[in-house]
């Protein structure tokens, strides 16, 4: 085993996970398209046209599932 691998934080999270004990029904939220676009531009260097080309069809599919 490599020294320091996995990190103690990773081992602790695995051995003692923080579990949401809520009894509320789970619901999905729509992704924040603006934040996703900003992330893609910063991390991948994508232009707005590229982010729109990739993300807008996904958002359309998600919207169709709500109907």
N, C-alpha and C. Protein backbone atom coordinates (compact mmCIF):
# COMPACT_ATOMS: atom_id res chain seq x y z
N UNK A 1 0.85 -1.18 0.00
CA UNK A 1 0.00 0.00 0.00
C UNK A 1 0.89 1.24 0.00
N UNK A 2 0.49 2.23 -0.79
CA UNK A 2 1.26 3.47 -0.86
C UNK A 2 1.11 4.27 0.42
N UNK A 3 2.17 4.88 0.84
CA UNK A 3 2.13 5.70 2.04
C UNK A 3 1.16 6.86 1.84
N UNK A 4 0.23 7.01 2.77
CA UNK A 4 -0.72 8.11 2.68
C UNK A 4 -1.87 7.88 1.72
N UNK A 5 -1.95 6.66 1.18
CA UNK A 5 -3.04 6.36 0.25
C UNK A 5 -3.86 5.21 0.80
N UNK A 6 -5.12 5.31 0.92
CA UNK A 6 -5.86 6.56 0.69
C UNK A 6 -5.65 7.51 1.85
N UNK A 7 -6.01 8.75 1.62
CA UNK A 7 -5.84 9.73 2.68
C UNK A 7 -6.74 9.37 3.85
N UNK A 8 -6.39 9.85 5.02
CA UNK A 8 -7.20 9.56 6.21
C UNK A 8 -8.62 10.09 6.05
N UNK A 9 -8.77 11.24 5.40
CA UNK A 9 -10.10 11.81 5.19
C UNK A 9 -10.97 10.89 4.33
N UNK A 10 -10.38 10.28 3.30
CA UNK A 10 -11.12 9.36 2.44
C UNK A 10 -11.50 8.11 3.22
N UNK A 11 -10.56 7.56 3.97
CA UNK A 11 -10.84 6.37 4.77
C UNK A 11 -11.93 6.65 5.80
N UNK A 12 -11.87 7.79 6.46
CA UNK A 12 -12.89 8.15 7.45
C UNK A 12 -14.27 8.30 6.81
N UNK A 13 -14.31 8.94 5.65
CA UNK A 13 -15.59 9.13 4.95
C UNK A 13 -16.17 7.79 4.53
N UNK A 14 -15.34 6.86 4.13
CA UNK A 14 -15.80 5.53 3.73
C UNK A 14 -16.30 4.75 4.94
N UNK A 15 -15.55 4.79 6.01
CA UNK A 15 -15.90 4.00 7.20
C UNK A 15 -17.04 4.62 8.01
N UNK A 16 -17.19 5.93 7.93
CA UNK A 16 -18.21 6.63 8.72
C UNK A 16 -18.95 7.63 7.83
N UNK A 17 -19.74 7.13 6.87
CA UNK A 17 -20.41 8.04 5.93
C UNK A 17 -21.45 8.90 6.63
N UNK A 18 -21.63 10.11 6.12
CA UNK A 18 -22.68 10.99 6.60
C UNK A 18 -23.90 10.72 5.73
N UNK A 19 -24.93 10.17 6.35
CA UNK A 19 -26.12 9.74 5.61
C UNK A 19 -27.27 10.68 5.93
N UNK A 20 -27.97 11.09 4.90
CA UNK A 20 -29.15 11.93 5.09
C UNK A 20 -30.27 11.05 5.63
N UNK A 21 -30.72 11.34 6.83
CA UNK A 21 -31.75 10.54 7.50
C UNK A 21 -33.16 11.04 7.20
N UNK A 22 -33.28 12.01 6.31
CA UNK A 22 -34.57 12.61 6.01
C UNK A 22 -35.55 11.57 5.49
N UNK A 23 -36.80 11.71 5.88
CA UNK A 23 -37.86 10.82 5.41
C UNK A 23 -38.66 11.47 4.29
N UNK A 24 -38.25 12.67 3.87
CA UNK A 24 -38.94 13.36 2.78
C UNK A 24 -38.73 12.61 1.47
N UNK A 25 -39.72 12.70 0.59
CA UNK A 25 -39.62 12.08 -0.73
C UNK A 25 -38.52 12.79 -1.52
N UNK A 26 -37.67 12.01 -2.17
CA UNK A 26 -36.58 12.58 -2.95
C UNK A 26 -37.13 13.21 -4.22
N UNK A 27 -36.64 14.39 -4.58
CA UNK A 27 -37.01 15.04 -5.82
C UNK A 27 -35.75 15.55 -6.51
N UNK A 28 -35.79 15.55 -7.82
CA UNK A 28 -34.69 16.07 -8.62
C UNK A 28 -34.94 17.54 -8.91
N UNK A 29 -33.89 18.31 -8.98
CA UNK A 29 -33.95 19.70 -9.40
C UNK A 29 -33.29 19.80 -10.77
N UNK A 30 -33.71 20.77 -11.55
CA UNK A 30 -33.04 20.99 -12.83
C UNK A 30 -31.65 21.56 -12.58
N UNK A 31 -30.69 21.17 -13.40
CA UNK A 31 -29.33 21.72 -13.25
C UNK A 31 -29.32 23.23 -13.48
N UNK A 32 -28.38 23.89 -12.86
CA UNK A 32 -28.18 25.32 -13.03
C UNK A 32 -27.37 25.51 -14.31
N UNK A 33 -28.08 25.82 -15.39
CA UNK A 33 -27.46 25.91 -16.71
C UNK A 33 -26.38 27.00 -16.76
N UNK A 34 -26.62 28.10 -16.10
CA UNK A 34 -25.64 29.19 -16.09
C UNK A 34 -24.35 28.74 -15.40
N UNK A 35 -24.49 28.09 -14.25
CA UNK A 35 -23.31 27.62 -13.51
C UNK A 35 -22.57 26.54 -14.30
N UNK A 36 -23.32 25.64 -14.95
CA UNK A 36 -22.67 24.61 -15.77
C UNK A 36 -21.90 25.24 -16.93
N UNK A 37 -22.51 26.22 -17.57
CA UNK A 37 -21.84 26.91 -18.67
C UNK A 37 -20.58 27.62 -18.21
N UNK A 38 -20.67 28.30 -17.07
CA UNK A 38 -19.49 28.98 -16.51
C UNK A 38 -18.39 27.98 -16.20
N UNK A 39 -18.76 26.85 -15.60
CA UNK A 39 -17.78 25.81 -15.26
C UNK A 39 -17.10 25.28 -16.54
N UNK A 40 -17.91 24.98 -17.56
CA UNK A 40 -17.35 24.44 -18.81
C UNK A 40 -16.42 25.44 -19.47
N UNK A 41 -16.76 26.72 -19.42
CA UNK A 41 -15.87 27.73 -20.02
C UNK A 41 -14.57 27.85 -19.24
N UNK A 42 -14.66 27.82 -17.91
CA UNK A 42 -13.46 27.96 -17.09
C UNK A 42 -12.58 26.72 -17.14
N UNK A 43 -13.18 25.54 -17.02
CA UNK A 43 -12.39 24.31 -16.90
C UNK A 43 -12.00 23.70 -18.25
N UNK A 44 -12.88 23.84 -19.25
CA UNK A 44 -12.63 23.20 -20.54
C UNK A 44 -12.28 24.19 -21.64
N UNK A 45 -12.45 25.49 -21.34
CA UNK A 45 -12.17 26.49 -22.35
C UNK A 45 -13.22 26.55 -23.44
N UNK A 46 -14.42 26.03 -23.18
CA UNK A 46 -15.48 26.02 -24.18
C UNK A 46 -16.04 27.42 -24.37
N UNK A 47 -16.37 27.75 -25.60
CA UNK A 47 -17.09 28.98 -25.91
C UNK A 47 -18.57 28.77 -25.56
N UNK A 48 -19.32 29.86 -25.48
CA UNK A 48 -20.74 29.75 -25.17
C UNK A 48 -21.46 28.88 -26.19
N UNK A 49 -21.06 28.99 -27.46
CA UNK A 49 -21.71 28.17 -28.50
C UNK A 49 -21.49 26.68 -28.24
N UNK A 50 -20.31 26.31 -27.77
CA UNK A 50 -20.01 24.91 -27.47
C UNK A 50 -20.84 24.43 -26.29
N UNK A 51 -20.92 25.25 -25.22
CA UNK A 51 -21.72 24.83 -24.06
C UNK A 51 -23.18 24.70 -24.44
N UNK A 52 -23.68 25.63 -25.25
CA UNK A 52 -25.08 25.54 -25.69
C UNK A 52 -25.31 24.29 -26.53
N UNK A 53 -24.35 23.99 -27.41
CA UNK A 53 -24.45 22.82 -28.28
C UNK A 53 -24.55 21.52 -27.47
N UNK A 54 -23.83 21.46 -26.38
CA UNK A 54 -23.81 20.26 -25.54
C UNK A 54 -24.95 20.25 -24.53
N UNK A 55 -25.17 21.36 -23.85
CA UNK A 55 -26.10 21.37 -22.72
C UNK A 55 -27.57 21.56 -23.10
N UNK A 56 -27.85 22.34 -24.13
CA UNK A 56 -29.25 22.61 -24.45
C UNK A 56 -30.05 21.35 -24.83
N UNK A 57 -29.49 20.42 -25.62
CA UNK A 57 -30.25 19.18 -25.88
C UNK A 57 -30.51 18.37 -24.61
N UNK A 58 -29.58 18.39 -23.67
CA UNK A 58 -29.77 17.68 -22.41
C UNK A 58 -30.91 18.33 -21.62
N UNK A 59 -30.90 19.65 -21.56
CA UNK A 59 -31.95 20.36 -20.85
C UNK A 59 -33.31 20.11 -21.50
N UNK A 60 -33.34 20.05 -22.82
CA UNK A 60 -34.60 19.78 -23.53
C UNK A 60 -35.13 18.39 -23.15
N UNK A 61 -34.25 17.41 -23.09
CA UNK A 61 -34.66 16.04 -22.70
C UNK A 61 -35.18 16.02 -21.27
N UNK A 62 -34.51 16.72 -20.39
CA UNK A 62 -34.96 16.77 -19.00
C UNK A 62 -36.34 17.43 -18.90
N UNK A 63 -36.53 18.48 -19.68
CA UNK A 63 -37.81 19.18 -19.67
C UNK A 63 -38.93 18.29 -20.20
N UNK A 64 -38.62 17.47 -21.20
CA UNK A 64 -39.63 16.56 -21.77
C UNK A 64 -40.08 15.52 -20.75
N UNK A 65 -39.19 15.14 -19.87
CA UNK A 65 -39.52 14.12 -18.87
C UNK A 65 -40.48 14.65 -17.80
N UNK A 66 -40.55 15.97 -17.65
CA UNK A 66 -41.44 16.56 -16.63
C UNK A 66 -42.89 16.52 -17.08
N UNK A 67 -43.14 16.45 -18.39
CA UNK A 67 -44.51 16.53 -18.92
C UNK A 67 -45.24 15.24 -18.67
